[in-house]
Amino acid sequence: MSQRALKVALIMGGTSSEREVSLKSGRAVAKALEALPHQVETFDPATDLVELVRRAGEFDVALVMLHGPGGEDGRLQGLLDLVGLPYQCAGVLGCALAMDKPRAKELFRAAGIPVAPDVVLGRGEPDPAGRVMEELGLPVVIKPAREGSSFGISMVHEIKDLAPAIEAAFKLDRVILAERLLTGRELTAAVVGNRELNALPLIEIIPGEQSTFFDFTAKYTPGGSQEICPAPVDQAVTKRVQELGIAAHRALGLKGYSRTDFILTEDGPLALETNTIPGMTETSLLPQAAAAAGMDFPAFIDKLLALALED
C-alpha cells in the first residue's frame, strides 16, 4: 500500500470512439479505490477539462483511464505535465509513439523486435489496394494508424473486400496500416515499472465463436473470449515473449506499465502493438495478469499510484 493517503484525480470518459470503454475502466478503478485510504474525485475531459486545470494543484496524482485519441496519444499527458500533476502512465512521447502504429513498428524493428511485414498508406494516394496487393498480397489486416480497441480493423481474405476495408479505415484516420495476416496463438505481455521493469504472467487470448480475432466484442463483452493466465506455453516461449514485452516498453520509452500483444507463429512470437493505458474493466487483461502475479485489483492500482510518484 502507498505510505500515505493521496488525493487522486481519476480522469475518465473523454471524446474518442473509446469513450464508453474509458468510462467502464474508470468505474472499475473507482470501485477498487474504495478499498484504499485515498480521496478520489473524477473528471471527464469532455466536460471538466477547465475544472481539472484550475484545480490540479489540489491533487497529489492523476489516474488517467482514457483510451484512444485525446487521452492515450500524449495530448492529455502534456497538459498534466504543464500543470505539474503526476500520472501513472507513459509521458507525451511514449504515448504518442505507441499510439502511432507505423512509428511504433519502426522502433520495434530498430530494437530487434520481430513484427509482421506491412505497408503504410496515406489518404488520397492513388490505388492503395493495388499497392497492398503488389507489396503484401492476401490475406492482410487493415487498421487505422492511431485507433485503439480494434476500431476500424478488418481482416481481408478476398480481393473484393480490400478496397472497402481500406475505405472504412480511412474514415477513422488519414494514415492506415496494412499488415500481412499472421496465424498463430494470441498472447499478451504486461510490464510494470519505471527504471526496474517486471513482466507479469502471460495471457493467452482465444476469441469466442462470434469473433475471428480479439476485436471489440471479444475484448469488452463478458464471455466474448477465453483468457488463460498464465498462458499454457512452455518456459522458453514465456521467457521470450516476456523479454520482448520489456523490449517493446523500453523501445517506446514508456513508464508505469504497458501491455504488448503478440501472435505466436510457427516461426516464433511477433509483436502487434503496445498499449500504454490498457483497459481496466472487469473483463480486461491487465488486472488478470496482476492477479496471477499476486496483486489484487486495489493493490495493483496502489502500485500504479506509487510508480506515478516514484520520480
Foldseek 3Di string as FASTA:
>chain_A
DDPDAWEEEEEAQEDDPCRVLRVQLSVLLVVLCVVPRYHYDYDYVVPCVVVCLVCVVVGAAYEQSYFFPPRQQAPVLVSCVVSVHFYLFFHRQLSNQQQQQVSLVVLCVVLVFFAFDKDKDFPPDPPPLVVCCVPPNDFKWKAARGGDQQPLIDTDHDSVCRVVSNVSRCVVHRMMMIGHDADAWKKKWKWFFAPDIDIFAIKTKAADPVDPDCHNQLAPPVVRIDIDPNDPDDPVLRVVVNVSLVSSCVSSNMHNMKMWMWGQHPVGIHTRGMGRNFRNHPRTDPQVRVVNVPAHSSRSVVSSVCRSVVD
